[in-house]
Amino acid sequence: MKFVDQNNIPLGILTFYAVHCHSIDNTNQLVNSDNKGYASYLFEKKMKDINPNFIAIFAQSNEGDSSSNTKGGCCNWEYKDGKYTCPHKCDLIGNKCYHCTGHIGDCNNNPFECVGKGHGICPEDDLEDCRHDYMNAMKIGRDQYEFALKLFNDNKYELQGKIQFAHNLTYLVDKEIDPDFLPCRNENEKWCNNNLNI
C-alpha cells in the first residue's frame, strides 16, 4: 500500500510478505531487525532524496511456517565445494538431530548448536569472518524490497474510504497439532508457550 500527500509526494509504504524474521540465527546476541528491517532500510534509502521522512513498513503476512532458513536446521554444517551441506539435520523440539527414519544425534543437548541456514552466500575470500545468517537476512530482505518497489512503481488502484482494522488473540497453548504437519513423529504434539526459531 502506497501513501502519498496531496501533491503526490510519497510518504510511505506498507507491505505484507509471508516470511518469518529469523534469518539471523540463534547464535546472534545483538538486537537486530532481521530481513524485514533490511528491506525497510533499502526502501527508505532509495526514497531519501524524494522524501527524507519516507517510512517503509514491512509487516508480517500469513507466514505460517514460511521460514527464511530454507535449508533447515543442522547440528554441524559443513562447507565444501562452495556450498553448505548438512549431515545431521536437527529439530528443536527436544533438541534432537534426526532423519525421518530415526534419531542420529542430540546436538550435545544444546539447542544453540541447532542452527538454521538460508540461501545467503558468503564471499569465497571472506568465509572465516562472514556470518552466513547476516547474508541470508540481506538476501531475503532484498527480495522483499525489490518486489515491494516494483509494486510501488506499478500501482494502479486508489483506495478510498475509512481505515478499519480487526484483531484476534488466540490462546494456542495445549491445542493439538494436526499430525499431517508432523511427518517425522508418531505421537501427538501440542503447542507450547514459546519457541526458539531456527
Protein backbone atom coordinates (compact mmCIF):
# COMPACT_ATOMS: atom_id res chain seq x y z
CA MET A 1 0.00 0.00 0.00
CA LYS A 2 1.49 3.31 -1.15
CA PHE A 3 0.89 6.54 0.77
CA VAL A 4 1.22 9.95 -0.91
CA ASP A 5 0.33 13.51 0.09
CA GLN A 6 -1.92 15.99 -1.77
CA ASN A 7 0.96 16.82 -4.11
CA ASN A 8 1.60 13.14 -4.87
CA ILE A 9 4.84 13.17 -2.86
CA PRO A 10 5.45 9.64 -1.49
CA LEU A 11 5.06 9.43 2.29
CA GLY A 12 5.49 5.72 2.86
CA ILE A 13 4.67 2.14 2.01
CA LEU A 14 3.03 -0.67 3.97
CA THR A 15 3.75 -4.17 2.70
CA PHE A 16 2.80 -7.64 3.85
CA TYR A 17 5.11 -10.50 2.92
CA ALA A 18 4.86 -14.04 4.26
CA VAL A 19 8.26 -14.89 5.75
CA HIS A 20 9.48 -15.15 9.33
CA CYS A 21 12.01 -12.70 10.73
CA HIS A 22 14.60 -15.21 11.80
CA SER A 23 17.21 -15.19 9.07
CA ILE A 24 19.64 -14.16 11.82
CA ASP A 25 20.20 -17.41 13.69
CA ASN A 26 20.06 -18.24 17.39
CA THR A 27 23.80 -17.67 17.92
CA ASN A 28 23.30 -13.90 17.48
CA GLN A 29 23.23 -11.90 20.73
CA LEU A 30 22.70 -8.42 19.24
CA VAL A 31 19.44 -6.55 18.72
CA ASN A 32 18.62 -6.58 15.03
CA SER A 33 15.71 -6.06 12.66
CA ASP A 34 16.43 -9.14 10.51
CA ASN A 35 15.28 -9.46 6.90
CA LYS A 36 12.30 -7.11 7.16
CA GLY A 37 14.41 -4.42 8.78
CA TYR A 38 16.91 -4.71 5.94
CA ALA A 39 14.10 -4.43 3.38
CA SER A 40 12.86 -1.30 5.15
CA TYR A 41 16.39 0.12 5.24
CA LEU A 42 16.84 -0.40 1.48
CA PHE A 43 13.48 1.16 0.63
CA GLU A 44 13.97 4.22 2.84
CA LYS A 45 17.48 4.68 1.44
CA LYS A 46 16.04 4.55 -2.10
CA MET A 47 13.45 7.23 -1.24
CA LYS A 48 15.61 9.59 0.86
CA ASP A 49 16.20 12.11 -1.96
CA ILE A 50 12.46 12.31 -2.71
CA ASN A 51 11.35 12.44 0.92
CA PRO A 52 13.88 12.04 3.76
CA ASN A 53 10.97 11.28 6.13
CA PHE A 54 9.64 8.40 4.00
CA ILE A 55 8.62 5.38 6.11
CA ALA A 56 8.79 1.82 4.74
CA ILE A 57 6.94 -0.76 6.83
CA PHE A 58 7.47 -4.45 6.07
CA ALA A 59 4.86 -6.23 8.15
CA GLN A 60 4.10 -9.91 8.62
CA SER A 61 1.54 -11.64 6.48
CA ASN A 62 0.15 -15.18 6.65
CA GLU A 63 3.64 -16.55 7.26
CA GLY A 64 2.60 -19.79 8.96
CA ASP A 65 5.86 -21.72 8.78
CA SER A 66 7.42 -19.72 5.94
CA SER A 67 10.97 -19.82 7.24
CA SER A 68 13.67 -17.71 5.69
CA ASN A 69 16.08 -20.51 6.65
CA THR A 70 15.22 -22.52 3.58
CA LYS A 71 17.98 -25.07 4.16
CA GLY A 72 16.57 -26.01 7.59
CA GLY A 73 18.38 -26.63 10.87
CA CYS A 74 21.60 -28.55 11.35
CA CYS A 75 23.83 -29.60 14.25
CA ASN A 76 27.10 -29.26 12.33
CA TRP A 77 27.05 -27.56 8.96
CA GLU A 78 29.88 -28.49 6.63
CA TYR A 79 31.22 -26.14 3.96
CA LYS A 80 32.79 -27.74 0.92
CA ASP A 81 32.82 -27.26 -2.83
CA GLY A 82 31.40 -23.76 -2.41
CA LYS A 83 28.24 -24.71 -0.53
CA TYR A 84 26.92 -25.76 2.86
CA THR A 85 25.78 -29.33 3.45
CA CYS A 86 24.14 -30.85 6.49
CA PRO A 87 24.91 -34.42 7.52
CA HIS A 88 22.76 -34.16 10.71
CA LYS A 89 19.52 -32.21 10.49
CA CYS A 90 18.11 -31.05 13.81
CA ASP A 91 14.73 -30.41 15.34
CA LEU A 92 14.45 -28.06 18.30
CA ILE A 93 11.57 -30.00 19.83
CA GLY A 94 13.75 -31.98 22.19
CA ASN A 95 16.93 -30.58 20.59
CA LYS A 96 17.34 -33.80 18.64
CA CYS A 97 19.14 -34.33 15.39
CA TYR A 98 17.09 -36.66 13.24
CA HIS A 99 16.21 -38.17 9.95
CA CYS A 100 12.59 -39.14 9.47
CA THR A 101 13.75 -42.71 9.96
CA GLY A 102 15.12 -42.13 13.46
CA HIS A 103 17.36 -40.14 15.77
CA ILE A 104 21.06 -39.89 14.98
CA GLY A 105 22.38 -37.39 17.50
CA ASP A 106 21.44 -34.76 20.01
CA CYS A 107 23.40 -31.55 19.30
CA ASN A 108 25.20 -32.21 22.59
CA ASN A 109 21.89 -31.41 24.32
CA ASN A 110 22.48 -27.77 23.39
CA PRO A 111 19.72 -26.05 21.35
CA PHE A 112 22.18 -23.32 20.33
CA GLU A 113 24.05 -25.89 18.26
CA CYS A 114 20.94 -26.40 16.12
CA VAL A 115 21.44 -23.59 13.59
CA GLY A 116 19.36 -22.79 10.52
CA LYS A 117 20.67 -21.51 7.21
CA GLY A 118 19.12 -19.99 4.12
CA HIS A 119 20.32 -19.04 0.67
CA GLY A 120 22.61 -16.17 1.63
CA ILE A 121 26.13 -16.73 0.27
CA CYS A 122 29.38 -15.61 1.88
CA PRO A 123 32.15 -14.40 -0.44
CA GLU A 124 34.84 -17.02 -1.06
CA ASP A 125 37.54 -14.66 0.24
CA ASP A 126 35.68 -13.90 3.49
CA LEU A 127 34.44 -17.25 4.71
CA GLU A 128 36.05 -17.02 8.15
CA ASP A 129 34.65 -13.59 9.14
CA CYS A 130 31.42 -13.65 7.15
CA ARG A 131 28.25 -14.58 9.04
CA HIS A 132 26.06 -16.66 6.76
CA ASP A 133 22.92 -15.66 8.67
CA TYR A 134 23.59 -11.96 8.05
CA MET A 135 23.99 -12.70 4.35
CA ASN A 136 20.72 -14.65 4.46
CA ALA A 137 18.90 -11.72 6.11
CA MET A 138 20.23 -9.44 3.38
CA LYS A 139 19.20 -11.86 0.61
CA ILE A 140 15.65 -12.36 1.93
CA GLY A 141 15.36 -8.64 2.76
CA ARG A 142 16.49 -7.61 -0.72
CA ASP A 143 13.96 -9.97 -2.31
CA GLN A 144 11.15 -8.30 -0.33
CA TYR A 145 12.44 -4.80 -1.10
CA GLU A 146 12.74 -5.41 -4.86
CA PHE A 147 9.23 -6.84 -5.16
CA ALA A 148 7.76 -4.06 -2.99
CA LEU A 149 9.50 -1.45 -5.14
CA LYS A 150 8.01 -2.98 -8.29
CA LEU A 151 4.50 -2.86 -6.77
CA PHE A 152 5.14 0.68 -5.51
CA ASN A 153 6.05 1.88 -9.01
CA ASP A 154 3.32 -0.11 -10.79
CA ASN A 155 0.43 0.94 -8.54
CA LYS A 156 -2.88 1.01 -10.40
CA TYR A 157 -5.67 1.24 -7.83
CA GLU A 158 -6.53 4.09 -5.49
CA LEU A 159 -8.04 3.16 -2.15
CA GLN A 160 -10.67 5.43 -0.66
CA GLY A 161 -12.78 5.36 2.45
CA LYS A 162 -12.27 4.81 6.14
CA ILE A 163 -9.39 2.84 7.63
CA GLN A 164 -10.53 -0.03 9.84
CA PHE A 165 -8.85 -2.97 11.50
CA ALA A 166 -9.62 -6.24 13.24
CA HIS A 167 -7.53 -8.09 15.80
CA ASN A 168 -7.99 -11.51 17.39
CA LEU A 169 -6.00 -13.11 20.19
CA THR A 170 -5.92 -16.91 20.21
CA TYR A 171 -4.53 -18.88 23.13
CA LEU A 172 -2.67 -21.74 21.45
CA VAL A 173 -1.13 -23.46 24.48
CA ASP A 174 -2.27 -27.09 24.80
CA LYS A 175 -4.02 -27.12 21.43
CA GLU A 176 -3.14 -30.28 19.50
CA ILE A 177 -1.19 -30.02 16.24
CA ASP A 178 -2.62 -31.83 13.23
CA PRO A 179 -0.48 -34.97 12.66
CA ASP A 180 -0.29 -34.07 8.95
CA PHE A 181 2.13 -31.32 9.95
CA LEU A 182 4.35 -33.69 11.94
CA PRO A 183 5.58 -36.23 9.36
CA CYS A 184 8.59 -37.32 11.43
CA ARG A 185 6.61 -38.06 14.60
CA ASN A 186 4.29 -40.82 15.61
CA GLU A 187 2.95 -39.17 18.76
CA ASN A 188 0.61 -36.18 19.02
CA GLU A 189 2.15 -32.82 19.87
CA LYS A 190 0.71 -29.66 21.40
CA TRP A 191 1.62 -26.00 21.15
CA CYS A 192 3.76 -24.57 23.92
CA ASN A 193 4.23 -21.14 25.49
CA ASN A 194 7.13 -20.08 23.29
CA ASN A 195 9.70 -21.42 20.88
CA LEU A 196 13.23 -20.89 19.69
CA ASN A 197 13.38 -20.14 15.98
CA ILE A 198 15.96 -21.70 13.69
